[in-house]
Amino acid sequence: MQDEYDVEVKTHPPKVSYRETITRKAEGHFRHKKQTGGAGQFGEVYLRIEPLERDAGFEFVNKVVGGSIPHQFIPAVEKGVRQVLNDGAIAGYPLQDVRVTVYDGKHHPVDSKEVAFVAAGKKAFADAIGKAGPIVLEPIAHIEVTTPGGHVGDITGHLSGVRGRINGNETLSGNRVRIQADVPVAEMGDYQTTLKSLTGGEGAFTMSFDHYDRVPPDVQKQLCAEFRPAEDE
């Protein structure tokens, strides 16, 4: 495009759509109290979180009784929870497959307002996540590679080396083989070039998203470390 149409082009590797989730139940609590000379801010939230099945999404449940958190402030608590849900808690990626149940709290007849319960909901949710075994999930792609039979070993060896799981292969006409595998999307950035090198330009592949799965501990550690500078700002 730059050579033929004189269009300035900036390229970068595609960003991997990681996700975060939790592995066990936990409870969180936070009291937001702020005094600024005039009217203050006060809101206190108690909540529980629990993991849902993969790809179940997010559920927010209100089980507050007795008016400990007035009904009009429950949406503010959910707003605070959703801020963490969107921004991530450990590596900066959206959270999924979690149920949040708000069951108790406290309010002040004068100082309680929406901003206080947004802050309390956000911090209580973050508190619970830290106790709930948070993990990072990565997208897994289903890949089908068609290649001359003589290159099957090279291709399966490479896919296994990039954390791929070989699901099987099928013999085709013309001494060709179709290999099926599930591979982390993060490992497939320049696979076209790799396949061309492995097969002398005679291989082809298709790739489609299949599911999310837990990243290895070393990968999670790296992703979390990269997130900390932004988190501490």
C-alpha atoms as a PDB file:
ATOM      1  CA  MET A   1       0.000   0.000   0.000  1.00  0.00           C
ATOM      2  CA  GLN A   2       2.833   2.360   0.775  1.00  0.00           C
ATOM      3  CA  ASP A   3       4.681   1.630  -2.470  1.00  0.00           C
ATOM      4  CA  GLU A   4       1.673   1.579  -4.811  1.00  0.00           C
ATOM      5  CA  TYR A   5      -0.665   4.154  -3.254  1.00  0.00           C
ATOM      6  CA  ASP A   6       1.704   6.321  -1.197  1.00  0.00           C
ATOM      7  CA  VAL A   7      -0.311   5.585   1.948  1.00  0.00           C
ATOM      8  CA  GLU A   8       1.524   5.699   5.263  1.00  0.00           C
ATOM      9  CA  VAL A   9       0.995   2.367   7.024  1.00  0.00           C
ATOM     10  CA  LYS A  10       1.772   1.526  10.626  1.00  0.00           C
ATOM     11  CA  THR A  11       1.699  -2.131  11.611  1.00  0.00           C
ATOM     12  CA  HIS A  12       1.989  -3.987  14.898  1.00  0.00           C
ATOM     13  CA  PRO A  13       1.347  -7.537  16.085  1.00  0.00           C
ATOM     14  CA  PRO A  14      -2.349  -8.179  16.779  1.00  0.00           C
ATOM     15  CA  LYS A  15      -3.352  -7.870  20.424  1.00  0.00           C
ATOM     16  CA  VAL A  16      -4.405 -11.107  22.070  1.00  0.00           C
ATOM     17  CA  SER A  17      -7.845 -10.945  23.713  1.00  0.00           C
ATOM     18  CA  TYR A  18      -7.019 -12.409  27.110  1.00  0.00           C
ATOM     19  CA  ARG A  19      -9.691 -12.628  29.808  1.00  0.00           C
ATOM     20  CA  GLU A  20      -9.679 -12.984  33.593  1.00  0.00           C
ATOM     21  CA  THR A  21     -11.825 -15.122  35.873  1.00  0.00           C
ATOM     22  CA  ILE A  22     -11.839 -16.681  39.354  1.00  0.00           C
ATOM     23  CA  THR A  23     -11.523 -20.275  40.544  1.00  0.00           C
ATOM     24  CA  ARG A  24     -13.277 -20.312  43.934  1.00  0.00           C
ATOM     25  CA  LYS A  25     -15.816 -18.521  46.113  1.00  0.00           C
ATOM     26  CA  ALA A  26     -14.803 -15.547  48.239  1.00  0.00           C
ATOM     27  CA  GLU A  27     -16.194 -12.552  50.102  1.00  0.00           C
ATOM     28  CA  GLY A  28     -15.247  -8.901  49.901  1.00  0.00           C
ATOM     29  CA  HIS A  29     -15.894  -5.804  51.994  1.00  0.00           C
ATOM     30  CA  PHE A  30     -15.108  -2.116  51.777  1.00  0.00           C
ATOM     31  CA  ARG A  31     -16.167   1.002  53.651  1.00  0.00           C
ATOM     32  CA  HIS A  32     -15.856   4.259  51.709  1.00  0.00           C
ATOM     33  CA  LYS A  33     -15.735   7.244  54.042  1.00  0.00           C
ATOM     34  CA  LYS A  34     -14.627  10.692  52.995  1.00  0.00           C
ATOM     35  CA  GLN A  35     -15.013  14.013  54.772  1.00  0.00           C
ATOM     36  CA  THR A  36     -14.325  17.206  52.824  1.00  0.00           C
ATOM     37  CA  GLY A  37     -15.463  19.946  55.175  1.00  0.00           C
ATOM     38  CA  GLY A  38     -19.066  20.016  54.019  1.00  0.00           C
ATOM     39  CA  ALA A  39     -21.212  16.998  53.316  1.00  0.00           C
ATOM     40  CA  GLY A  40     -19.169  13.820  53.371  1.00  0.00           C
ATOM     41  CA  GLN A  41     -19.324  10.544  51.480  1.00  0.00           C
ATOM     42  CA  PHE A  42     -20.214   7.249  53.092  1.00  0.00           C
ATOM     43  CA  GLY A  43     -21.014   3.801  51.713  1.00  0.00           C
ATOM     44  CA  GLU A  44     -20.216   0.297  52.942  1.00  0.00           C
ATOM     45  CA  VAL A  45     -20.617  -2.907  50.932  1.00  0.00           C
ATOM     46  CA  TYR A  46     -20.379  -6.622  51.680  1.00  0.00           C
ATOM     47  CA  LEU A  47     -20.486  -9.032  48.740  1.00  0.00           C
ATOM     48  CA  ARG A  48     -19.787 -12.620  47.708  1.00  0.00           C
ATOM     49  CA  ILE A  49     -18.380 -13.842  44.415  1.00  0.00           C
ATOM     50  CA  GLU A  50     -18.343 -17.293  42.865  1.00  0.00           C
ATOM     51  CA  PRO A  51     -17.140 -18.748  39.560  1.00  0.00           C
ATOM     52  CA  LEU A  52     -19.593 -19.672  36.819  1.00  0.00           C
ATOM     53  CA  GLU A  53     -19.183 -22.169  33.990  1.00  0.00           C
ATOM     54  CA  ARG A  54     -16.885 -21.115  31.168  1.00  0.00           C
ATOM     55  CA  ASP A  55     -18.521 -18.559  28.834  1.00  0.00           C
ATOM     56  CA  ALA A  56     -21.471 -18.065  31.214  1.00  0.00           C
ATOM     57  CA  GLY A  57     -20.743 -14.340  31.402  1.00  0.00           C
ATOM     58  CA  PHE A  58     -21.567 -12.219  34.464  1.00  0.00           C
ATOM     59  CA  GLU A  59     -24.396 -12.144  36.987  1.00  0.00           C
ATOM     60  CA  PHE A  60     -25.169  -9.448  39.552  1.00  0.00           C
ATOM     61  CA  VAL A  61     -27.521 -10.458  42.380  1.00  0.00           C
ATOM     62  CA  ASN A  62     -29.049  -8.191  45.025  1.00  0.00           C
ATOM     63  CA  LYS A  63     -29.800  -9.979  48.309  1.00  0.00           C
ATOM     64  CA  VAL A  64     -29.753  -6.963  50.582  1.00  0.00           C
ATOM     65  CA  VAL A  65     -32.592  -7.023  53.105  1.00  0.00           C
ATOM     66  CA  GLY A  66     -33.754  -4.579  55.729  1.00  0.00           C
ATOM     67  CA  GLY A  67     -32.575  -1.495  53.868  1.00  0.00           C
ATOM     68  CA  SER A  68     -28.937  -1.712  54.981  1.00  0.00           C
ATOM     69  CA  ILE A  69     -28.194  -0.399  51.486  1.00  0.00           C
ATOM     70  CA  PRO A  70     -31.153   1.664  50.230  1.00  0.00           C
ATOM     71  CA  HIS A  71     -32.615   0.386  46.989  1.00  0.00           C
ATOM     72  CA  GLN A  72     -31.632   3.517  45.054  1.00  0.00           C
ATOM     73  CA  PHE A  73     -27.919   2.839  45.721  1.00  0.00           C
ATOM     74  CA  ILE A  74     -27.846  -0.780  44.483  1.00  0.00           C
ATOM     75  CA  PRO A  75     -27.271   0.321  40.836  1.00  0.00           C
ATOM     76  CA  ALA A  76     -24.284   2.368  42.074  1.00  0.00           C
ATOM     77  CA  VAL A  77     -22.785  -0.748  43.685  1.00  0.00           C
ATOM     78  CA  GLU A  78     -23.230  -2.631  40.414  1.00  0.00           C
ATOM     79  CA  LYS A  79     -21.630   0.258  38.527  1.00  0.00           C
ATOM     80  CA  GLY A  80     -18.539  -0.006  40.725  1.00  0.00           C
ATOM     81  CA  VAL A  81     -18.402  -3.778  40.241  1.00  0.00           C
ATOM     82  CA  ARG A  82     -18.633  -3.377  36.471  1.00  0.00           C
ATOM     83  CA  GLN A  83     -15.695  -0.969  36.457  1.00  0.00           C
ATOM     84  CA  VAL A  84     -13.485  -3.783  37.747  1.00  0.00           C
ATOM     85  CA  LEU A  85     -15.228  -6.226  35.430  1.00  0.00           C
ATOM     86  CA  ASN A  86     -14.279  -4.135  32.391  1.00  0.00           C
ATOM     87  CA  ASP A  87     -10.781  -3.058  33.453  1.00  0.00           C
ATOM     88  CA  GLY A  88      -9.535  -6.314  34.987  1.00  0.00           C
ATOM     89  CA  ALA A  89      -8.130  -6.989  38.419  1.00  0.00           C
ATOM     90  CA  ILE A  90      -4.799  -8.789  37.971  1.00  0.00           C
ATOM     91  CA  ALA A  91      -3.641  -8.295  34.378  1.00  0.00           C
ATOM     92  CA  GLY A  92      -5.851  -5.574  32.903  1.00  0.00           C
ATOM     93  CA  TYR A  93      -8.210  -7.817  30.909  1.00  0.00           C
ATOM     94  CA  PRO A  94     -12.013  -8.098  31.198  1.00  0.00           C
ATOM     95  CA  LEU A  95     -13.401 -10.458  33.814  1.00  0.00           C
ATOM     96  CA  GLN A  96     -15.917 -13.137  32.887  1.00  0.00           C
ATOM     97  CA  ASP A  97     -17.765 -16.144  34.295  1.00  0.00           C
ATOM     98  CA  VAL A  98     -18.424 -14.696  37.739  1.00  0.00           C
ATOM     99  CA  ARG A  99     -21.498 -14.116  39.904  1.00  0.00           C
ATOM    100  CA  VAL A 100     -21.485 -11.190  42.348  1.00  0.00           C
ATOM    101  CA  THR A 101     -24.010 -11.178  45.181  1.00  0.00           C
ATOM    102  CA  VAL A 102     -24.378  -8.058  47.324  1.00  0.00           C
ATOM    103  CA  TYR A 103     -25.866  -9.109  50.671  1.00  0.00           C
ATOM    104  CA  ASP A 104     -25.190  -6.378  53.230  1.00  0.00           C
ATOM    105  CA  GLY A 105     -23.801  -2.936  53.853  1.00  0.00           C
ATOM    106  CA  LYS A 106     -24.341   0.330  55.687  1.00  0.00           C
ATOM    107  CA  HIS A 107     -25.447   3.813  54.748  1.00  0.00           C
ATOM    108  CA  HIS A 108     -25.617   7.263  56.328  1.00  0.00           C
ATOM    109  CA  PRO A 109     -28.821   9.329  56.128  1.00  0.00           C
ATOM    110  CA  VAL A 110     -26.906  12.458  55.062  1.00  0.00           C
ATOM    111  CA  ASP A 111     -23.524  11.428  53.649  1.00  0.00           C
ATOM    112  CA  SER A 112     -24.502   8.398  51.570  1.00  0.00           C
ATOM    113  CA  LYS A 113     -24.649   9.149  47.865  1.00  0.00           C
ATOM    114  CA  GLU A 114     -24.107   7.369  44.572  1.00  0.00           C
ATOM    115  CA  VAL A 115     -20.379   8.102  44.245  1.00  0.00           C
ATOM    116  CA  ALA A 116     -19.701   6.552  47.652  1.00  0.00           C
ATOM    117  CA  PHE A 117     -21.401   3.262  46.761  1.00  0.00           C
ATOM    118  CA  VAL A 118     -19.702   3.142  43.357  1.00  0.00           C
ATOM    119  CA  ALA A 119     -16.339   3.344  45.142  1.00  0.00           C
ATOM    120  CA  ALA A 120     -17.355   0.854  47.838  1.00  0.00           C
ATOM    121  CA  GLY A 121     -18.674  -1.646  45.276  1.00  0.00           C
ATOM    122  CA  LYS A 122     -15.507  -1.379  43.221  1.00  0.00           C
ATOM    123  CA  LYS A 123     -13.143  -1.866  46.167  1.00  0.00           C
ATOM    124  CA  ALA A 124     -15.221  -4.656  47.734  1.00  0.00           C
ATOM    125  CA  PHE A 125     -15.209  -6.557  44.433  1.00  0.00           C
ATOM    126  CA  ALA A 126     -11.456  -6.126  44.060  1.00  0.00           C
ATOM    127  CA  ASP A 127     -11.007  -7.315  47.660  1.00  0.00           C
ATOM    128  CA  ALA A 128     -13.004 -10.490  46.928  1.00  0.00           C
ATOM    129  CA  ILE A 129     -11.161 -11.238  43.679  1.00  0.00           C
ATOM    130  CA  GLY A 130      -7.837 -11.255  45.488  1.00  0.00           C
ATOM    131  CA  LYS A 131      -9.114 -14.125  47.668  1.00  0.00           C
ATOM    132  CA  ALA A 132     -10.834 -16.069  44.873  1.00  0.00           C
ATOM    133  CA  GLY A 133      -7.876 -17.590  43.024  1.00  0.00           C
ATOM    134  CA  PRO A 134      -7.908 -15.232  40.011  1.00  0.00           C
ATOM    135  CA  ILE A 135      -6.507 -16.584  36.749  1.00  0.00           C
ATOM    136  CA  VAL A 136      -5.921 -15.357  33.209  1.00  0.00           C
ATOM    137  CA  LEU A 137      -7.614 -17.100  30.285  1.00  0.00           C
ATOM    138  CA  GLU A 138      -6.290 -17.140  26.731  1.00  0.00           C
ATOM    139  CA  PRO A 139      -8.111 -17.726  23.424  1.00  0.00           C
ATOM    140  CA  ILE A 140      -7.482 -21.114  21.854  1.00  0.00           C
ATOM    141  CA  ALA A 141      -7.794 -21.489  18.075  1.00  0.00           C
ATOM    142  CA  HIS A 142      -8.712 -24.602  16.127  1.00  0.00           C
ATOM    143  CA  ILE A 143      -6.289 -24.957  13.227  1.00  0.00           C
ATOM    144  CA  GLU A 144      -6.346 -27.265  10.221  1.00  0.00           C
ATOM    145  CA  VAL A 145      -3.133 -27.565   8.231  1.00  0.00           C
ATOM    146  CA  THR A 146      -3.005 -29.226   4.809  1.00  0.00           C
ATOM    147  CA  THR A 147       0.467 -30.323   3.751  1.00  0.00           C
ATOM    148  CA  PRO A 148       2.353 -32.850   1.638  1.00  0.00           C
ATOM    149  CA  GLY A 149       2.804 -36.047   3.643  1.00  0.00           C
ATOM    150  CA  GLY A 150       6.559 -35.631   3.965  1.00  0.00           C
ATOM    151  CA  HIS A 151       6.182 -32.541   6.181  1.00  0.00           C
ATOM    152  CA  VAL A 152       3.751 -33.944   8.769  1.00  0.00           C
ATOM    153  CA  GLY A 153       6.454 -34.557  11.389  1.00  0.00           C
ATOM    154  CA  ASP A 154       7.863 -31.041  11.070  1.00  0.00           C
ATOM    155  CA  ILE A 155       4.444 -29.445  11.401  1.00  0.00           C
ATOM    156  CA  THR A 156       3.229 -31.515  14.347  1.00  0.00           C
ATOM    157  CA  GLY A 157       6.565 -30.994  16.081  1.00  0.00           C
ATOM    158  CA  HIS A 158       6.303 -27.238  15.691  1.00  0.00           C
ATOM    159  CA  LEU A 159       2.681 -27.090  16.842  1.00  0.00           C
ATOM    160  CA  SER A 160       3.482 -29.166  19.923  1.00  0.00           C
ATOM    161  CA  GLY A 161       6.403 -26.850  20.643  1.00  0.00           C
ATOM    162  CA  VAL A 162       4.122 -23.810  20.774  1.00  0.00           C
ATOM    163  CA  ARG A 163       1.759 -25.387  23.317  1.00  0.00           C
ATOM    164  CA  GLY A 164      -0.525 -26.881  20.674  1.00  0.00           C
ATOM    165  CA  ARG A 165      -2.571 -30.047  21.151  1.00  0.00           C
ATOM    166  CA  ILE A 166      -2.715 -32.320  18.099  1.00  0.00           C
ATOM    167  CA  ASN A 167      -6.231 -33.723  17.636  1.00  0.00           C
ATOM    168  CA  GLY A 168      -5.481 -36.038  14.714  1.00  0.00           C
ATOM    169  CA  ASN A 169      -4.820 -36.099  10.999  1.00  0.00           C
ATOM    170  CA  GLU A 170      -6.549 -37.249   7.840  1.00  0.00           C
ATOM    171  CA  THR A 171      -4.983 -38.627   4.680  1.00  0.00           C
ATOM    172  CA  LEU A 172      -6.137 -36.863   1.502  1.00  0.00           C
ATOM    173  CA  SER A 173      -5.649 -37.574  -2.163  1.00  0.00           C
ATOM    174  CA  GLY A 174      -2.398 -36.597  -3.857  1.00  0.00           C
ATOM    175  CA  ASN A 175      -0.203 -37.623  -0.916  1.00  0.00           C
ATOM    176  CA  ARG A 176      -1.515 -34.783   1.218  1.00  0.00           C
ATOM    177  CA  VAL A 177      -2.479 -34.806   4.888  1.00  0.00           C
ATOM    178  CA  ARG A 178      -4.806 -32.581   6.911  1.00  0.00           C
ATOM    179  CA  ILE A 179      -3.651 -32.021  10.511  1.00  0.00           C
ATOM    180  CA  GLN A 180      -6.065 -30.763  13.167  1.00  0.00           C
ATOM    181  CA  ALA A 181      -4.895 -29.080  16.361  1.00  0.00           C
ATOM    182  CA  ASP A 182      -5.858 -26.603  19.079  1.00  0.00           C
ATOM    183  CA  VAL A 183      -3.256 -23.892  19.591  1.00  0.00           C
ATOM    184  CA  PRO A 184      -3.098 -20.713  21.735  1.00  0.00           C
ATOM    185  CA  VAL A 185      -3.753 -17.664  19.570  1.00  0.00           C
ATOM    186  CA  ALA A 186      -0.772 -15.930  21.207  1.00  0.00           C
ATOM    187  CA  GLU A 187       1.549 -18.467  19.542  1.00  0.00           C
ATOM    188  CA  MET A 188       0.124 -18.062  16.023  1.00  0.00           C
ATOM    189  CA  GLY A 189       1.165 -14.500  15.200  1.00  0.00           C
ATOM    190  CA  ASP A 190       3.267 -15.254  12.089  1.00  0.00           C
ATOM    191  CA  TYR A 191       2.237 -18.809  11.337  1.00  0.00           C
ATOM    192  CA  GLN A 192       1.878 -18.169   7.605  1.00  0.00           C
ATOM    193  CA  THR A 193       5.621 -17.507   7.355  1.00  0.00           C
ATOM    194  CA  THR A 194       6.449 -20.477   9.578  1.00  0.00           C
ATOM    195  CA  LEU A 195       4.316 -22.856   7.536  1.00  0.00           C
ATOM    196  CA  LYS A 196       5.832 -21.599   4.308  1.00  0.00           C
ATOM    197  CA  SER A 197       9.285 -22.317   5.693  1.00  0.00           C
ATOM    198  CA  LEU A 198       8.350 -25.795   6.960  1.00  0.00           C
ATOM    199  CA  THR A 199       6.689 -26.917   3.721  1.00  0.00           C
ATOM    200  CA  GLY A 200       8.559 -25.003   1.055  1.00  0.00           C
ATOM    201  CA  GLY A 201       5.429 -23.006   0.315  1.00  0.00           C
ATOM    202  CA  GLU A 202       3.246 -26.090  -0.244  1.00  0.00           C
ATOM    203  CA  GLY A 203       1.247 -25.949   2.994  1.00  0.00           C
ATOM    204  CA  ALA A 204      -2.007 -24.135   3.732  1.00  0.00           C
ATOM    205  CA  PHE A 205      -4.042 -23.624   6.887  1.00  0.00           C
ATOM    206  CA  THR A 206      -7.327 -22.343   8.260  1.00  0.00           C
ATOM    207  CA  MET A 207      -7.801 -21.041  11.794  1.00  0.00           C
ATOM    208  CA  SER A 208     -10.877 -20.173  13.871  1.00  0.00           C
ATOM    209  CA  PHE A 209     -11.553 -19.310  17.504  1.00  0.00           C
ATOM    210  CA  ASP A 210     -12.559 -22.336  19.579  1.00  0.00           C
ATOM    211  CA  HIS A 211     -12.592 -21.589  23.321  1.00  0.00           C
ATOM    212  CA  TYR A 212     -10.835 -19.946  26.273  1.00  0.00           C
ATOM    213  CA  ASP A 213      -8.472 -21.879  28.522  1.00  0.00           C
ATOM    214  CA  ARG A 214      -6.181 -21.116  31.454  1.00  0.00           C
ATOM    215  CA  VAL A 215      -2.742 -19.770  30.614  1.00  0.00           C
ATOM    216  CA  PRO A 216       0.331 -21.515  32.086  1.00  0.00           C
ATOM    217  CA  PRO A 217       1.587 -20.044  35.392  1.00  0.00           C
ATOM    218  CA  ASP A 218       4.677 -18.481  33.792  1.00  0.00           C
ATOM    219  CA  VAL A 219       2.573 -16.690  31.173  1.00  0.00           C
ATOM    220  CA  GLN A 220       0.167 -15.399  33.830  1.00  0.00           C
ATOM    221  CA  LYS A 221       3.078 -14.146  35.921  1.00  0.00           C
ATOM    222  CA  GLN A 222       4.424 -12.183  32.947  1.00  0.00           C
ATOM    223  CA  LEU A 223       1.028 -10.680  32.067  1.00  0.00           C
ATOM    224  CA  CYS A 224       0.412  -9.638  35.672  1.00  0.00           C
ATOM    225  CA  ALA A 225       3.885  -8.092  35.926  1.00  0.00           C
ATOM    226  CA  GLU A 226       3.255  -6.018  32.804  1.00  0.00           C
ATOM    227  CA  PHE A 227      -0.011  -4.754  34.295  1.00  0.00           C
ATOM    228  CA  ARG A 228       1.407  -3.477  37.578  1.00  0.00           C
ATOM    229  CA  PRO A 229       2.887  -0.148  36.345  1.00  0.00           C
ATOM    230  CA  ALA A 230      -0.515   0.972  35.021  1.00  0.00           C
ATOM    231  CA  GLU A 231      -2.232  -0.312  38.150  1.00  0.00           C
ATOM    232  CA  ASP A 232       0.008   1.700  40.447  1.00  0.00           C
ATOM    233  CA  GLU A 233      -0.488   5.022  38.696  1.00  0.00           C
END
